Amino acid sequence: MIKNAHILRKFERGYAGKEKLSFHRALKIFEAMWMEARALGLIKKGNGLEGIEAKIRMAKIINGIK
C-alpha cells in the first residue's frame, strides 16, 4: 500500500525524465502489455473496427453534424 503518494509521484516524474527508451524497446513493452491484457480477457479478439460505421453515424447525430 502506498502511504505517501506525493513521494511516489515525485519519483515517477524523475525516473521518467531520465529513462530514454528506443522505439523498439517501447514497442516490445507495448506488445507485452497488449498480450497480458488479452490473456486477462480485457481486450477481445477479433476485428476492432467491427460496427464502426454505426458508431460514427451515432456520433454525428449526437454532435449535430450533417
N, C-alpha and C. Protein backbone atom coordinates (compact mmCIF):
# COMPACT_ATOMS: atom_id res chain seq x y z
N MET A 1 0.85 -1.18 0.00
CA MET A 1 0.00 0.00 0.00
C MET A 1 0.90 1.24 0.00
N ILE A 2 0.54 2.22 -0.80
CA ILE A 2 1.30 3.46 -0.89
C ILE A 2 0.81 4.41 0.20
N LYS A 3 1.75 4.83 1.04
CA LYS A 3 1.37 5.71 2.14
C LYS A 3 1.59 7.18 1.82
N ASN A 4 2.55 7.47 0.93
CA ASN A 4 2.83 8.85 0.59
C ASN A 4 2.85 8.99 -0.92
N ALA A 5 1.70 9.30 -1.50
CA ALA A 5 1.57 9.39 -2.95
C ALA A 5 2.42 10.51 -3.53
N HIS A 6 2.63 11.57 -2.78
CA HIS A 6 3.44 12.70 -3.25
C HIS A 6 4.87 12.24 -3.55
N ILE A 7 5.45 11.46 -2.68
CA ILE A 7 6.81 10.96 -2.89
C ILE A 7 6.85 10.04 -4.11
N LEU A 8 5.85 9.19 -4.27
CA LEU A 8 5.80 8.30 -5.42
C LEU A 8 5.71 9.10 -6.72
N ARG A 9 4.84 10.10 -6.77
CA ARG A 9 4.72 10.92 -7.99
C ARG A 9 6.03 11.62 -8.30
N LYS A 10 6.71 12.13 -7.29
CA LYS A 10 7.99 12.80 -7.48
C LYS A 10 9.02 11.82 -8.05
N PHE A 11 9.05 10.60 -7.51
CA PHE A 11 9.95 9.57 -8.02
C PHE A 11 9.63 9.24 -9.47
N GLU A 12 8.35 9.05 -9.79
CA GLU A 12 7.95 8.70 -11.15
C GLU A 12 8.33 9.78 -12.14
N ARG A 13 8.12 11.05 -11.78
CA ARG A 13 8.49 12.15 -12.68
C ARG A 13 10.00 12.17 -12.91
N GLY A 14 10.78 11.98 -11.88
CA GLY A 14 12.22 11.96 -12.01
C GLY A 14 12.71 10.79 -12.84
N TYR A 15 12.14 9.63 -12.62
CA TYR A 15 12.54 8.43 -13.34
C TYR A 15 12.16 8.54 -14.82
N ALA A 16 10.96 9.01 -15.09
CA ALA A 16 10.51 9.14 -16.48
C ALA A 16 11.37 10.14 -17.25
N GLY A 17 11.84 11.17 -16.58
CA GLY A 17 12.69 12.15 -17.24
C GLY A 17 14.06 11.62 -17.58
N LYS A 18 14.55 10.67 -16.80
CA LYS A 18 15.88 10.10 -17.03
C LYS A 18 15.86 8.92 -17.98
N GLU A 19 14.77 8.18 -17.99
CA GLU A 19 14.67 6.96 -18.78
C GLU A 19 14.41 7.29 -20.25
N LYS A 20 15.30 6.85 -21.12
CA LYS A 20 15.14 7.06 -22.56
C LYS A 20 14.96 5.71 -23.21
N LEU A 21 13.82 5.49 -23.82
CA LEU A 21 13.53 4.23 -24.48
C LEU A 21 13.68 4.39 -25.99
N SER A 22 14.25 3.36 -26.60
CA SER A 22 14.27 3.35 -28.06
C SER A 22 12.86 2.96 -28.53
N PHE A 23 12.61 3.21 -29.79
CA PHE A 23 11.31 2.86 -30.35
C PHE A 23 11.07 1.36 -30.21
N HIS A 24 12.08 0.56 -30.50
CA HIS A 24 11.92 -0.90 -30.46
C HIS A 24 11.67 -1.40 -29.04
N ARG A 25 12.34 -0.82 -28.07
CA ARG A 25 12.12 -1.22 -26.67
C ARG A 25 10.70 -0.85 -26.22
N ALA A 26 10.26 0.36 -26.59
CA ALA A 26 8.90 0.80 -26.25
C ALA A 26 7.87 -0.10 -26.92
N LEU A 27 8.13 -0.51 -28.15
CA LEU A 27 7.21 -1.40 -28.86
C LEU A 27 7.13 -2.76 -28.19
N LYS A 28 8.27 -3.29 -27.73
CA LYS A 28 8.27 -4.57 -27.03
C LYS A 28 7.46 -4.48 -25.73
N ILE A 29 7.61 -3.37 -25.01
CA ILE A 29 6.84 -3.18 -23.77
C ILE A 29 5.35 -3.11 -24.08
N PHE A 30 4.99 -2.35 -25.12
CA PHE A 30 3.59 -2.23 -25.52
C PHE A 30 3.02 -3.59 -25.90
N GLU A 31 3.76 -4.36 -26.69
CA GLU A 31 3.28 -5.68 -27.12
C GLU A 31 3.08 -6.60 -25.92
N ALA A 32 4.00 -6.56 -24.96
CA ALA A 32 3.86 -7.39 -23.77
C ALA A 32 2.62 -7.00 -22.97
N MET A 33 2.37 -5.71 -22.85
CA MET A 33 1.19 -5.24 -22.13
C MET A 33 -0.08 -5.64 -22.87
N TRP A 34 -0.05 -5.56 -24.20
CA TRP A 34 -1.19 -5.94 -25.03
C TRP A 34 -1.51 -7.43 -24.84
N MET A 35 -0.47 -8.26 -24.88
CA MET A 35 -0.68 -9.70 -24.73
C MET A 35 -1.21 -10.03 -23.33
N GLU A 36 -0.73 -9.34 -22.32
CA GLU A 36 -1.21 -9.57 -20.96
C GLU A 36 -2.69 -9.18 -20.84
N ALA A 37 -3.07 -8.04 -21.44
CA ALA A 37 -4.47 -7.60 -21.40
C ALA A 37 -5.36 -8.61 -22.11
N ARG A 38 -4.88 -9.15 -23.22
CA ARG A 38 -5.67 -10.17 -23.94
C ARG A 38 -5.79 -11.44 -23.12
N ALA A 39 -4.69 -11.83 -22.44
CA ALA A 39 -4.72 -13.03 -21.62
C ALA A 39 -5.69 -12.87 -20.44
N LEU A 40 -5.82 -11.65 -19.94
CA LEU A 40 -6.74 -11.39 -18.83
C LEU A 40 -8.18 -11.21 -19.30
N GLY A 41 -8.38 -11.17 -20.62
CA GLY A 41 -9.72 -11.02 -21.16
C GLY A 41 -10.21 -9.59 -21.21
N LEU A 42 -9.29 -8.63 -21.09
CA LEU A 42 -9.68 -7.23 -21.11
C LEU A 42 -9.85 -6.71 -22.53
N ILE A 43 -9.21 -7.36 -23.48
CA ILE A 43 -9.30 -6.98 -24.89
C ILE A 43 -9.82 -8.20 -25.64
N LYS A 44 -10.89 -8.00 -26.39
CA LYS A 44 -11.48 -9.11 -27.12
C LYS A 44 -10.72 -9.36 -28.41
N LYS A 45 -10.68 -10.63 -28.80
CA LYS A 45 -10.09 -11.00 -30.08
C LYS A 45 -11.08 -10.65 -31.17
N GLY A 46 -10.58 -10.39 -32.36
CA GLY A 46 -11.45 -10.12 -33.49
C GLY A 46 -11.17 -8.77 -34.10
N ASN A 47 -12.10 -8.34 -34.90
CA ASN A 47 -11.96 -7.09 -35.63
C ASN A 47 -12.35 -5.92 -34.74
N GLY A 48 -11.40 -5.05 -34.46
CA GLY A 48 -11.66 -3.89 -33.61
C GLY A 48 -12.52 -2.83 -34.28
N LEU A 49 -12.61 -2.89 -35.61
CA LEU A 49 -13.39 -1.89 -36.34
C LEU A 49 -14.81 -2.37 -36.64
N GLU A 50 -15.16 -3.53 -36.13
CA GLU A 50 -16.50 -4.06 -36.37
C GLU A 50 -17.54 -3.12 -35.78
N GLY A 51 -18.49 -2.69 -36.59
CA GLY A 51 -19.56 -1.81 -36.13
C GLY A 51 -19.17 -0.35 -36.06
N ILE A 52 -18.02 0.01 -36.65
CA ILE A 52 -17.54 1.39 -36.56
C ILE A 52 -18.46 2.35 -37.32
N GLU A 53 -19.06 1.88 -38.42
CA GLU A 53 -19.94 2.76 -39.20
C GLU A 53 -21.11 3.25 -38.36
N ALA A 54 -21.72 2.34 -37.61
CA ALA A 54 -22.86 2.71 -36.77
C ALA A 54 -22.42 3.68 -35.67
N LYS A 55 -21.22 3.47 -35.13
CA LYS A 55 -20.73 4.36 -34.08
C LYS A 55 -20.45 5.76 -34.64
N ILE A 56 -19.92 5.82 -35.85
CA ILE A 56 -19.66 7.12 -36.48
C ILE A 56 -20.97 7.84 -36.75
N ARG A 57 -21.95 7.10 -37.27
CA ARG A 57 -23.26 7.69 -37.54
C ARG A 57 -23.90 8.22 -36.26
N MET A 58 -23.80 7.45 -35.20
CA MET A 58 -24.36 7.87 -33.92
C MET A 58 -23.64 9.12 -33.40
N ALA A 59 -22.31 9.16 -33.52
CA ALA A 59 -21.55 10.32 -33.06
C ALA A 59 -21.94 11.57 -33.83
N LYS A 60 -22.15 11.43 -35.15
CA LYS A 60 -22.57 12.58 -35.96
C LYS A 60 -23.92 13.10 -35.52
N ILE A 61 -24.83 12.18 -35.23
CA ILE A 61 -26.17 12.59 -34.77
C ILE A 61 -26.08 13.31 -33.43
N ILE A 62 -25.31 12.75 -32.52
CA ILE A 62 -25.18 13.34 -31.19
C ILE A 62 -24.54 14.71 -31.26
N ASN A 63 -23.54 14.85 -32.13
CA ASN A 63 -22.81 16.12 -32.24
C ASN A 63 -23.47 17.10 -33.20
N GLY A 64 -24.54 16.69 -33.85
CA GLY A 64 -25.28 17.61 -34.72
C GLY A 64 -24.61 17.87 -36.06
N ILE A 65 -23.77 16.97 -36.53
CA ILE A 65 -23.09 17.14 -37.82
C ILE A 65 -23.96 16.50 -38.89
N LYS A 66 -24.14 17.22 -40.00
CA LYS A 66 -24.95 16.68 -41.10
C LYS A 66 -24.08 16.06 -42.16
